[in-house]
PDB file of N, CA and C in Angstrom:
ATOM      1  N   MET A   1      30.003-156.543-101.728  1.00  0.00           N
ATOM      2  CA  MET A   1      30.363-155.212-101.264  1.00  0.00           C
ATOM      3  C   MET A   1      29.475-154.198-101.871  1.00  0.00           C
ATOM      4  N   ALA A   2      28.798-153.385-101.094  1.00  0.00           N
ATOM      5  CA  ALA A   2      27.863-152.419-101.591  1.00  0.00           C
ATOM      6  C   ALA A   2      28.609-151.144-102.031  1.00  0.00           C
ATOM      7  N   LYS A   3      28.180-150.543-103.102  1.00  0.00           N
ATOM      8  CA  LYS A   3      28.801-149.353-103.656  1.00  0.00           C
ATOM      9  C   LYS A   3      28.369-148.163-102.736  1.00  0.00           C
ATOM     10  N   ARG A   4      29.331-147.312-102.441  1.00  0.00           N
ATOM     11  CA  ARG A   4      29.051-146.191-101.595  1.00  0.00           C
ATOM     12  C   ARG A   4      28.181-145.162-102.376  1.00  0.00           C
ATOM     13  N   PRO A   5      27.275-144.537-101.760  1.00  0.00           N
ATOM     14  CA  PRO A   5      26.394-143.519-102.471  1.00  0.00           C
ATOM     15  C   PRO A   5      27.317-142.335-102.867  1.00  0.00           C
ATOM     16  N   GLY A   6      27.165-141.993-104.131  1.00  0.00           N
ATOM     17  CA  GLY A   6      27.931-140.846-104.656  1.00  0.00           C
ATOM     18  C   GLY A   6      29.311-141.240-105.124  1.00  0.00           C
ATOM     19  N   ALA A   7      29.734-142.444-104.932  1.00  0.00           N
ATOM     20  CA  ALA A   7      31.076-142.893-105.391  1.00  0.00           C
ATOM     21  C   ALA A   7      31.032-143.078-106.907  1.00  0.00           C
ATOM     22  N   THR A   8      32.159-142.629-107.479  1.00  0.00           N
ATOM     23  CA  THR A   8      32.259-142.728-108.970  1.00  0.00           C
ATOM     24  C   THR A   8      33.257-143.774-109.303  1.00  0.00           C
ATOM     25  N   ARG A   9      33.082-144.448-110.390  1.00  0.00           N
ATOM     26  CA  ARG A   9      33.944-145.507-110.816  1.00  0.00           C
ATOM     27  C   ARG A   9      35.067-144.942-111.607  1.00  0.00           C
ATOM     28  N   ARG A  10      36.300-145.340-111.247  1.00  0.00           N
ATOM     29  CA  ARG A  10      37.492-144.811-111.957  1.00  0.00           C
ATOM     30  C   ARG A  10      37.575-145.423-113.365  1.00  0.00           C
ATOM     31  N   GLN A  11      37.930-144.598-114.282  1.00  0.00           N
ATOM     32  CA  GLN A  11      38.118-145.030-115.675  1.00  0.00           C
ATOM     33  C   GLN A  11      39.667-144.929-116.019  1.00  0.00           C
ATOM     34  N   PHE A  12      40.152-145.973-116.704  1.00  0.00           N
ATOM     35  CA  PHE A  12      41.532-146.014-117.022  1.00  0.00           C
ATOM     36  C   PHE A  12      41.679-146.076-118.545  1.00  0.00           C
ATOM     37  N   SER A  13      42.597-145.301-119.080  1.00  0.00           N
ATOM     38  CA  SER A  13      42.847-145.284-120.512  1.00  0.00           C
ATOM     39  C   SER A  13      43.567-146.581-120.990  1.00  0.00           C
ATOM     40  N   ARG A  14      43.429-146.778-122.298  1.00  0.00           N
ATOM     41  CA  ARG A  14      44.141-147.952-122.842  1.00  0.00           C
ATOM     42  C   ARG A  14      45.616-147.883-122.639  1.00  0.00           C
ATOM     43  N   GLU A  15      46.173-146.649-122.771  1.00  0.00           N
ATOM     44  CA  GLU A  15      47.575-146.489-122.603  1.00  0.00           C
ATOM     45  C   GLU A  15      48.024-146.737-121.156  1.00  0.00           C
ATOM     46  N   TYR A  16      47.174-146.364-120.222  1.00  0.00           N
ATOM     47  CA  TYR A  16      47.451-146.579-118.825  1.00  0.00           C
ATOM     48  C   TYR A  16      47.499-148.092-118.577  1.00  0.00           C
ATOM     49  N   LYS A  17      46.558-148.823-119.094  1.00  0.00           N
ATOM     50  CA  LYS A  17      46.487-150.329-118.917  1.00  0.00           C
ATOM     51  C   LYS A  17      47.697-150.935-119.555  1.00  0.00           C
ATOM     52  N   LEU A  18      48.078-150.498-120.775  1.00  0.00           N
ATOM     53  CA  LEU A  18      49.302-151.053-121.439  1.00  0.00           C
ATOM     54  C   LEU A  18      50.541-150.783-120.658  1.00  0.00           C
ATOM     55  N   GLU A  19      50.656-149.588-120.068  1.00  0.00           N
ATOM     56  CA  GLU A  19      51.858-149.226-119.244  1.00  0.00           C
ATOM     57  C   GLU A  19      51.921-150.155-117.971  1.00  0.00           C
ATOM     58  N   ALA A  20      50.757-150.323-117.335  1.00  0.00           N
ATOM     59  CA  ALA A  20      50.708-151.124-116.137  1.00  0.00           C
ATOM     60  C   ALA A  20      51.073-152.554-116.450  1.00  0.00           C
ATOM     61  N   VAL A  21      50.517-153.085-117.520  1.00  0.00           N
ATOM     62  CA  VAL A  21      50.865-154.500-117.916  1.00  0.00           C
ATOM     63  C   VAL A  21      52.331-154.582-118.313  1.00  0.00           C
ATOM     64  N   ARG A  22      52.879-153.586-119.003  1.00  0.00           N
ATOM     65  CA  ARG A  22      54.318-153.543-119.352  1.00  0.00           C
ATOM     66  C   ARG A  22      55.217-153.551-118.141  1.00  0.00           C
ATOM     67  N   ARG A  23      54.801-152.898-117.078  1.00  0.00           N
ATOM     68  CA  ARG A  23      55.566-152.991-115.840  1.00  0.00           C
ATOM     69  C   ARG A  23      55.746-154.385-115.335  1.00  0.00           C
ATOM     70  N   VAL A  24      54.693-155.160-115.466  1.00  0.00           N
ATOM     71  CA  VAL A  24      54.673-156.564-115.009  1.00  0.00           C
ATOM     72  C   VAL A  24      55.521-157.435-115.921  1.00  0.00           C
ATOM     73  N   THR A  25      55.296-157.336-117.255  1.00  0.00           N
ATOM     74  CA  THR A  25      55.910-158.158-118.228  1.00  0.00           C
ATOM     75  C   THR A  25      57.394-157.862-118.417  1.00  0.00           C
ATOM     76  N   ASP A  26      57.706-156.590-118.635  1.00  0.00           N
ATOM     77  CA  ASP A  26      59.112-156.209-118.852  1.00  0.00           C
ATOM     78  C   ASP A  26      59.940-156.174-117.624  1.00  0.00           C
ATOM     79  N   GLY A  27      59.305-155.738-116.505  1.00  0.00           N
ATOM     80  CA  GLY A  27      60.077-155.631-115.296  1.00  0.00           C
ATOM     81  C   GLY A  27      60.208-156.941-114.537  1.00  0.00           C
ATOM     82  N   GLY A  28      59.455-157.944-114.945  1.00  0.00           N
ATOM     83  CA  GLY A  28      59.514-159.193-114.307  1.00  0.00           C
ATOM     84  C   GLY A  28      59.070-159.187-112.826  1.00  0.00           C
ATOM     85  N   ARG A  29      58.178-158.247-112.532  1.00  0.00           N
ATOM     86  CA  ARG A  29      57.682-158.083-111.137  1.00  0.00           C
ATOM     87  C   ARG A  29      56.284-158.698-111.013  1.00  0.00           C
ATOM     88  N   ALA A  30      55.944-158.931-109.780  1.00  0.00           N
ATOM     89  CA  ALA A  30      54.680-159.584-109.444  1.00  0.00           C
ATOM     90  C   ALA A  30      53.546-158.550-109.705  1.00  0.00           C
ATOM     91  N   PRO A  31      52.446-158.992-110.223  1.00  0.00           N
ATOM     92  CA  PRO A  31      51.248-158.113-110.447  1.00  0.00           C
ATOM     93  C   PRO A  31      50.830-157.454-109.151  1.00  0.00           C
ATOM     94  N   SER A  32      50.965-158.143-108.005  1.00  0.00           N
ATOM     95  CA  SER A  32      50.483-157.547-106.730  1.00  0.00           C
ATOM     96  C   SER A  32      51.362-156.386-106.422  1.00  0.00           C
ATOM     97  N   VAL A  33      52.654-156.424-106.661  1.00  0.00           N
ATOM     98  CA  VAL A  33      53.598-155.341-106.316  1.00  0.00           C
ATOM     99  C   VAL A  33      53.278-154.108-107.153  1.00  0.00           C
ATOM    100  N   VAL A  34      53.099-154.306-108.489  1.00  0.00           N
ATOM    101  CA  VAL A  34      52.814-153.243-109.375  1.00  0.00           C
ATOM    102  C   VAL A  34      51.433-152.631-109.073  1.00  0.00           C
ATOM    103  N   ALA A  35      50.487-153.430-108.790  1.00  0.00           N
ATOM    104  CA  ALA A  35      49.123-153.008-108.460  1.00  0.00           C
ATOM    105  C   ALA A  35      49.172-152.147-107.176  1.00  0.00           C
ATOM    106  N   ARG A  36      49.949-152.535-106.241  1.00  0.00           N
ATOM    107  CA  ARG A  36      50.076-151.737-104.934  1.00  0.00           C
ATOM    108  C   ARG A  36      50.716-150.388-105.275  1.00  0.00           C
ATOM    109  N   GLU A  37      51.686-150.378-106.138  1.00  0.00           N
ATOM    110  CA  GLU A  37      52.359-149.078-106.520  1.00  0.00           C
ATOM    111  C   GLU A  37      51.326-148.170-107.241  1.00  0.00           C
ATOM    112  N   LEU A  38      50.514-148.747-108.070  1.00  0.00           N
ATOM    113  CA  LEU A  38      49.571-147.898-108.838  1.00  0.00           C
ATOM    114  C   LEU A  38      48.266-147.620-108.086  1.00  0.00           C
ATOM    115  N   GLY A  39      48.054-148.312-106.919  1.00  0.00           N
ATOM    116  CA  GLY A  39      46.884-148.064-106.177  1.00  0.00           C
ATOM    117  C   GLY A  39      45.655-148.750-106.791  1.00  0.00           C
ATOM    118  N   ILE A  40      45.810-149.879-107.380  1.00  0.00           N
ATOM    119  CA  ILE A  40      44.668-150.610-107.958  1.00  0.00           C
ATOM    120  C   ILE A  40      44.622-151.997-107.401  1.00  0.00           C
ATOM    121  N   ASN A  41      43.562-152.717-107.627  1.00  0.00           N
ATOM    122  CA  ASN A  41      43.404-154.103-107.100  1.00  0.00           C
ATOM    123  C   ASN A  41      44.296-155.007-108.083  1.00  0.00           C
ATOM    124  N   PRO A  42      45.017-155.922-107.444  1.00  0.00           N
ATOM    125  CA  PRO A  42      45.834-156.828-108.244  1.00  0.00           C
ATOM    126  C   PRO A  42      45.019-157.697-109.251  1.00  0.00           C
ATOM    127  N   ASN A  43      43.807-158.017-108.908  1.00  0.00           N
ATOM    128  CA  ASN A  43      42.941-158.723-109.864  1.00  0.00           C
ATOM    129  C   ASN A  43      42.636-157.941-111.089  1.00  0.00           C
ATOM    130  N   MET A  44      42.543-156.624-110.927  1.00  0.00           N
ATOM    131  CA  MET A  44      42.195-155.754-112.020  1.00  0.00           C
ATOM    132  C   MET A  44      43.413-155.828-112.991  1.00  0.00           C
ATOM    133  N   LEU A  45      44.634-155.763-112.496  1.00  0.00           N
ATOM    134  CA  LEU A  45      45.803-155.832-113.324  1.00  0.00           C
ATOM    135  C   LEU A  45      45.933-157.134-114.020  1.00  0.00           C
ATOM    136  N   ARG A  46      45.616-158.238-113.323  1.00  0.00           N
ATOM    137  CA  ARG A  46      45.625-159.516-113.954  1.00  0.00           C
ATOM    138  C   ARG A  46      44.582-159.654-115.095  1.00  0.00           C
ATOM    139  N   THR A  47      43.433-158.993-114.879  1.00  0.00           N
ATOM    140  CA  THR A  47      42.388-159.001-115.892  1.00  0.00           C
ATOM    141  C   THR A  47      42.829-158.232-117.103  1.00  0.00           C
ATOM    142  N   TRP A  48      43.412-157.037-116.832  1.00  0.00           N
ATOM    143  CA  TRP A  48      43.976-156.251-117.988  1.00  0.00           C
ATOM    144  C   TRP A  48      44.986-157.119-118.794  1.00  0.00           C
ATOM    145  N   ARG A  49      45.858-157.770-118.125  1.00  0.00           N
ATOM    146  CA  ARG A  49      46.923-158.509-118.729  1.00  0.00           C
ATOM    147  C   ARG A  49      46.277-159.708-119.619  1.00  0.00           C
ATOM    148  N   ARG A  50      45.332-160.345-119.085  1.00  0.00           N
ATOM    149  CA  ARG A  50      44.651-161.406-119.769  1.00  0.00           C
ATOM    150  C   ARG A  50      43.927-160.886-121.029  1.00  0.00           C
ATOM    151  N   GLN A  51      43.202-159.751-120.822  1.00  0.00           N
ATOM    152  CA  GLN A  51      42.468-159.136-121.947  1.00  0.00           C
ATOM    153  C   GLN A  51      43.379-158.721-123.085  1.00  0.00           C
ATOM    154  N   LEU A  52      44.506-158.153-122.654  1.00  0.00           N
ATOM    155  CA  LEU A  52      45.429-157.664-123.730  1.00  0.00           C
ATOM    156  C   LEU A  52      46.115-158.834-124.400  1.00  0.00           C
ATOM    157  N   THR A  53      46.397-159.889-123.672  1.00  0.00           N
ATOM    158  CA  THR A  53      46.969-161.072-124.258  1.00  0.00           C
ATOM    159  C   THR A  53      45.961-161.751-125.227  1.00  0.00           C
ATOM    160  N   ASP A  54      44.684-161.863-124.798  1.00  0.00           N
ATOM    161  CA  ASP A  54      43.696-162.510-125.568  1.00  0.00           C
ATOM    162  C   ASP A  54      43.402-161.711-126.895  1.00  0.00           C
ATOM    163  N   ALA A  55      43.590-160.343-126.793  1.00  0.00           N
ATOM    164  CA  ALA A  55      43.347-159.518-127.930  1.00  0.00           C
ATOM    165  C   ALA A  55      44.567-159.427-128.844  1.00  0.00           C
ATOM    166  N   GLY A  56      45.678-160.109-128.413  1.00  0.00           N
ATOM    167  CA  GLY A  56      46.861-160.142-129.220  1.00  0.00           C
ATOM    168  C   GLY A  56      47.635-158.844-129.255  1.00  0.00           C
ATOM    169  N   VAL A  57      47.435-158.059-128.185  1.00  0.00           N
ATOM    170  CA  VAL A  57      48.135-156.791-128.042  1.00  0.00           C
ATOM    171  C   VAL A  57      49.384-156.980-127.252  1.00  0.00           C
ATOM    172  N   THR A  58      50.460-156.485-127.694  1.00  0.00           N
ATOM    173  CA  THR A  58      51.692-156.531-126.931  1.00  0.00           C
ATOM    174  C   THR A  58      51.824-155.233-126.101  1.00  0.00           C
ATOM    175  N   ALA A  59      52.598-155.333-125.038  1.00  0.00           N
ATOM    176  CA  ALA A  59      52.755-154.204-124.153  1.00  0.00           C
ATOM    177  C   ALA A  59      53.778-153.237-124.714  1.00  0.00           C
ATOM    178  N   GLY A  60      54.550-153.678-125.637  1.00  0.00           N
ATOM    179  CA  GLY A  60      55.605-152.790-126.187  1.00  0.00           C
ATOM    180  C   GLY A  60      55.082-152.001-127.391  1.00  0.00           C
ATOM    181  N   PRO A  61      55.889-151.029-127.863  1.00  0.00           N
ATOM    182  CA  PRO A  61      55.425-150.161-128.900  1.00  0.00           C
ATOM    183  C   PRO A  61      55.427-150.873-130.315  1.00  0.00           C
ATOM    184  N   SER A  62      56.266-151.895-130.523  1.00  0.00           N
ATOM    185  CA  SER A  62      56.333-152.574-131.748  1.00  0.00           C
ATOM    186  C   SER A  62      56.469-154.086-131.517  1.00  0.00           C
ATOM    187  N   THR A  63      56.165-154.791-132.594  1.00  0.00           N
ATOM    188  CA  THR A  63      56.232-156.272-132.456  1.00  0.00           C
ATOM    189  C   THR A  63      57.463-156.804-133.259  1.00  0.00           C
ATOM    190  N   GLY A  64      58.235-155.890-133.903  1.00  0.00           N
ATOM    191  CA  GLY A  64      59.330-156.336-134.657  1.00  0.00           C
ATOM    192  C   GLY A  64      60.563-156.616-133.767  1.00  0.00           C
ATOM    193  N   PRO A  65      61.654-157.001-134.440  1.00  0.00           N
ATOM    194  CA  PRO A  65      62.849-157.306-133.664  1.00  0.00           C
ATOM    195  C   PRO A  65      63.428-156.066-132.956  1.00  0.00           C
ATOM    196  N   LEU A  66      63.967-156.222-131.793  1.00  0.00           N
ATOM    197  CA  LEU A  66      64.514-155.148-131.066  1.00  0.00           C
ATOM    198  C   LEU A  66      65.836-154.761-131.594  1.00  0.00           C
ATOM    199  N   THR A  67      66.085-153.427-131.622  1.00  0.00           N
ATOM    200  CA  THR A  67      67.434-152.920-131.940  1.00  0.00           C
ATOM    201  C   THR A  67      68.344-153.144-130.799  1.00  0.00           C
ATOM    202  N   SER A  68      69.641-153.050-130.979  1.00  0.00           N
ATOM    203  CA  SER A  68      70.565-153.171-129.909  1.00  0.00           C
ATOM    204  C   SER A  68      70.336-152.161-128.803  1.00  0.00           C
ATOM    205  N   GLN A  69      69.938-150.936-129.251  1.00  0.00           N
ATOM    206  CA  GLN A  69      69.604-149.847-128.284  1.00  0.00           C
ATOM    207  C   GLN A  69      68.406-150.154-127.463  1.00  0.00           C
ATOM    208  N   ASP A  70      67.340-150.729-128.093  1.00  0.00           N
ATOM    209  CA  ASP A  70      66.135-151.193-127.340  1.00  0.00           C
ATOM    210  C   ASP A  70      66.454-152.284-126.321  1.00  0.00           C
ATOM    211  N   GLU A  71      67.250-153.267-126.848  1.00  0.00           N
ATOM    212  CA  GLU A  71      67.685-154.372-125.971  1.00  0.00           C
ATOM    213  C   GLU A  71      68.410-153.817-124.748  1.00  0.00           C
ATOM    214  N   GLU A  72      69.319-152.826-124.925  1.00  0.00           N
ATOM    215  CA  GLU A  72      70.128-152.328-123.812  1.00  0.00           C
ATOM    216  C   GLU A  72      69.222-151.577-122.958  1.00  0.00           C
ATOM    217  N   ILE A  73      68.265-150.813-123.439  1.00  0.00           N
ATOM    218  CA  ILE A  73      67.328-150.078-122.550  1.00  0.00           C
ATOM    219  C   ILE A  73      66.533-151.085-121.731  1.00  0.00           C
ATOM    220  N   ARG A  74      66.023-152.089-122.342  1.00  0.00           N
ATOM    221  CA  ARG A  74      65.286-153.154-121.614  1.00  0.00           C
ATOM    222  C   ARG A  74      66.092-153.776-120.475  1.00  0.00           C
ATOM    223  N   ARG A  75      67.399-154.122-120.886  1.00  0.00           N
ATOM    224  CA  ARG A  75      68.232-154.763-119.882  1.00  0.00           C
ATOM    225  C   ARG A  75      68.561-153.743-118.674  1.00  0.00           C
ATOM    226  N   LEU A  76      68.809-152.492-119.063  1.00  0.00           N
ATOM    227  CA  LEU A  76      69.127-151.510-117.941  1.00  0.00           C
ATOM    228  C   LEU A  76      67.842-151.280-117.062  1.00  0.00           C
ATOM    229  N   ARG A  77      66.683-151.299-117.649  1.00  0.00           N
ATOM    230  CA  ARG A  77      65.465-151.162-116.852  1.00  0.00           C
ATOM    231  C   ARG A  77      65.280-152.322-115.908  1.00  0.00           C
ATOM    232  N   ARG A  78      65.502-153.573-116.413  1.00  0.00           N
ATOM    233  CA  ARG A  78      65.423-154.690-115.507  1.00  0.00           C
ATOM    234  C   ARG A  78      66.521-154.624-114.390  1.00  0.00           C
ATOM    235  N   GLU A  79      67.731-154.223-114.736  1.00  0.00           N
ATOM    236  CA  GLU A  79      68.759-154.079-113.801  1.00  0.00           C
ATOM    237  C   GLU A  79      68.402-153.039-112.741  1.00  0.00           C
ATOM    238  N   ASN A  80      67.845-151.904-113.213  1.00  0.00           N
ATOM    239  CA  ASN A  80      67.374-150.839-112.309  1.00  0.00           C
ATOM    240  C   ASN A  80      66.370-151.306-111.324  1.00  0.00           C
ATOM    241  N   THR A  81      65.435-152.099-111.855  1.00  0.00           N
ATOM    242  CA  THR A  81      64.390-152.648-110.956  1.00  0.00           C
ATOM    243  C   THR A  81      64.971-153.505-109.873  1.00  0.00           C
ATOM    244  N   VAL A  82      65.914-154.367-110.236  1.00  0.00           N
ATOM    245  CA  VAL A  82      66.594-155.277-109.337  1.00  0.00           C
ATOM    246  C   VAL A  82      67.379-154.391-108.251  1.00  0.00           C
ATOM    247  N   LEU A  83      68.062-153.392-108.696  1.00  0.00           N
ATOM    248  CA  LEU A  83      68.847-152.539-107.826  1.00  0.00           C
ATOM    249  C   LEU A  83      67.901-151.833-106.833  1.00  0.00           C
ATOM    250  N   LYS A  84      66.783-151.341-107.312  1.00  0.00           N
ATOM    251  CA  LYS A  84      65.837-150.711-106.406  1.00  0.00           C
ATOM    252  C   LYS A  84      65.284-151.639-105.346  1.00  0.00           C
ATOM    253  N   GLN A  85      64.958-152.920-105.750  1.00  0.00           N
ATOM    254  CA  GLN A  85      64.495-153.867-104.763  1.00  0.00           C
ATOM    255  C   GLN A  85      65.591-154.189-103.768  1.00  0.00           C
ATOM    256  N   GLU A  86      66.835-154.312-104.187  1.00  0.00           N
ATOM    257  CA  GLU A  86      67.947-154.614-103.272  1.00  0.00           C
ATOM    258  C   GLU A  86      68.100-153.422-102.297  1.00  0.00           C
ATOM    259  N   ARG A  87      68.022-152.187-102.775  1.00  0.00           N
ATOM    260  CA  ARG A  87      68.191-151.041-102.007  1.00  0.00           C
ATOM    261  C   ARG A  87      67.062-150.957-100.912  1.00  0.00           C
ATOM    262  N   ASP A  88      65.825-151.217-101.323  1.00  0.00           N
ATOM    263  CA  ASP A  88      64.701-151.242-100.371  1.00  0.00           C
ATOM    264  C   ASP A  88      64.903-152.337 -99.341  1.00  0.00           C
ATOM    265  N   PHE A  89      65.308-153.492 -99.718  1.00  0.00           N
ATOM    266  CA  PHE A  89      65.628-154.570 -98.763  1.00  0.00           C
ATOM    267  C   PHE A  89      66.704-154.120 -97.741  1.00  0.00           C
ATOM    268  N   LEU A  90      67.749-153.510 -98.265  1.00  0.00           N
ATOM    269  CA  LEU A  90      68.845-153.089 -97.322  1.00  0.00           C
ATOM    270  C   LEU A  90      68.345-151.979 -96.393  1.00  0.00           C
ATOM    271  N   LYS A  91      67.515-151.130 -96.887  1.00  0.00           N
ATOM    272  CA  LYS A  91      66.953-150.117 -96.005  1.00  0.00           C
ATOM    273  C   LYS A  91      66.153-150.729 -94.890  1.00  0.00           C
ATOM    274  N   SER A  92      65.337-151.673 -95.222  1.00  0.00           N
ATOM    275  CA  SER A  92      64.516-152.290 -94.090  1.00  0.00           C
ATOM    276  C   SER A  92      65.379-153.146 -93.134  1.00  0.00           C
ATOM    277  N   ALA A  93      66.413-153.712 -93.732  1.00  0.00           N
ATOM    278  CA  ALA A  93      67.344-154.511 -92.852  1.00  0.00           C
ATOM    279  C   ALA A  93      68.087-153.591 -91.932  1.00  0.00           C
ATOM    280  N   THR A  94      68.439-152.432 -92.417  1.00  0.00           N
ATOM    281  CA  THR A  94      69.200-151.418 -91.542  1.00  0.00           C
ATOM    282  C   THR A  94      68.291-151.018 -90.389  1.00  0.00           C
ATOM    283  N   VAL A  95      67.026-150.718 -90.693  1.00  0.00           N
ATOM    284  CA  VAL A  95      66.058-150.334 -89.694  1.00  0.00           C
ATOM    285  C   VAL A  95      65.873-151.451 -88.672  1.00  0.00           C
ATOM    286  N   PHE A  96      65.718-152.677 -89.168  1.00  0.00           N
ATOM    287  CA  PHE A  96      65.580-153.813 -88.297  1.00  0.00           C
ATOM    288  C   PHE A  96      66.764-153.989 -87.326  1.00  0.00           C
ATOM    289  N   PHE A  97      67.922-153.935 -87.850  1.00  0.00           N
ATOM    290  CA  PHE A  97      69.146-154.111 -86.990  1.00  0.00           C
ATOM    291  C   PHE A  97      69.413-152.952 -86.138  1.00  0.00           C
ATOM    292  N   ALA A  98      69.023-151.732 -86.526  1.00  0.00           N
ATOM    293  CA  ALA A  98      69.176-150.554 -85.656  1.00  0.00           C
ATOM    294  C   ALA A  98      68.293-150.653 -84.493  1.00  0.00           C
ATOM    295  N   LYS A  99      67.046-151.165 -84.673  1.00  0.00           N
ATOM    296  CA  LYS A  99      66.173-151.345 -83.537  1.00  0.00           C
ATOM    297  C   LYS A  99      66.647-152.450 -82.544  1.00  0.00           C
ATOM    298  N   GLU A 100      67.279-153.435 -83.115  1.00  0.00           N
ATOM    299  CA  GLU A 100      67.732-154.624 -82.353  1.00  0.00           C
ATOM    300  C   GLU A 100      68.912-154.176 -81.555  1.00  0.00           C
ATOM    301  N   SER A 101      69.699-153.290 -81.945  1.00  0.00           N
ATOM    302  CA  SER A 101      70.934-152.983 -81.292  1.00  0.00           C
ATOM    303  C   SER A 101      70.698-151.993 -80.074  1.00  0.00           C
ATOM    304  N   ARG A 102      69.522-151.480 -79.916  1.00  0.00           N
ATOM    305  CA  ARG A 102      69.227-150.540 -78.868  1.00  0.00           C
ATOM    306  C   ARG A 102      69.057-151.325 -77.562  1.00  0.00           C
TER     307      ARG A 102
END
């Protein structure tokens, strides 16, 4: 694929990459879904994840044991992710059945 004339290459900060990888690892979501949400290529996200893993960097702020509050926040975020996915599925099912009933 040829580069477009005058096109600039996007630069991403280390924090941005860590947050993107965290969305995959903590949220239990597919890299392709997270990449689509962020507007990046899924292979780029997979590369970042591999690079951070190889470098021994964790996506979280600390490597120590989690406090009960941290554990609850993590659990609630996972639950929130699942609920959003269920909501989106129900929205699309509603549209599908509304079209079919006409």
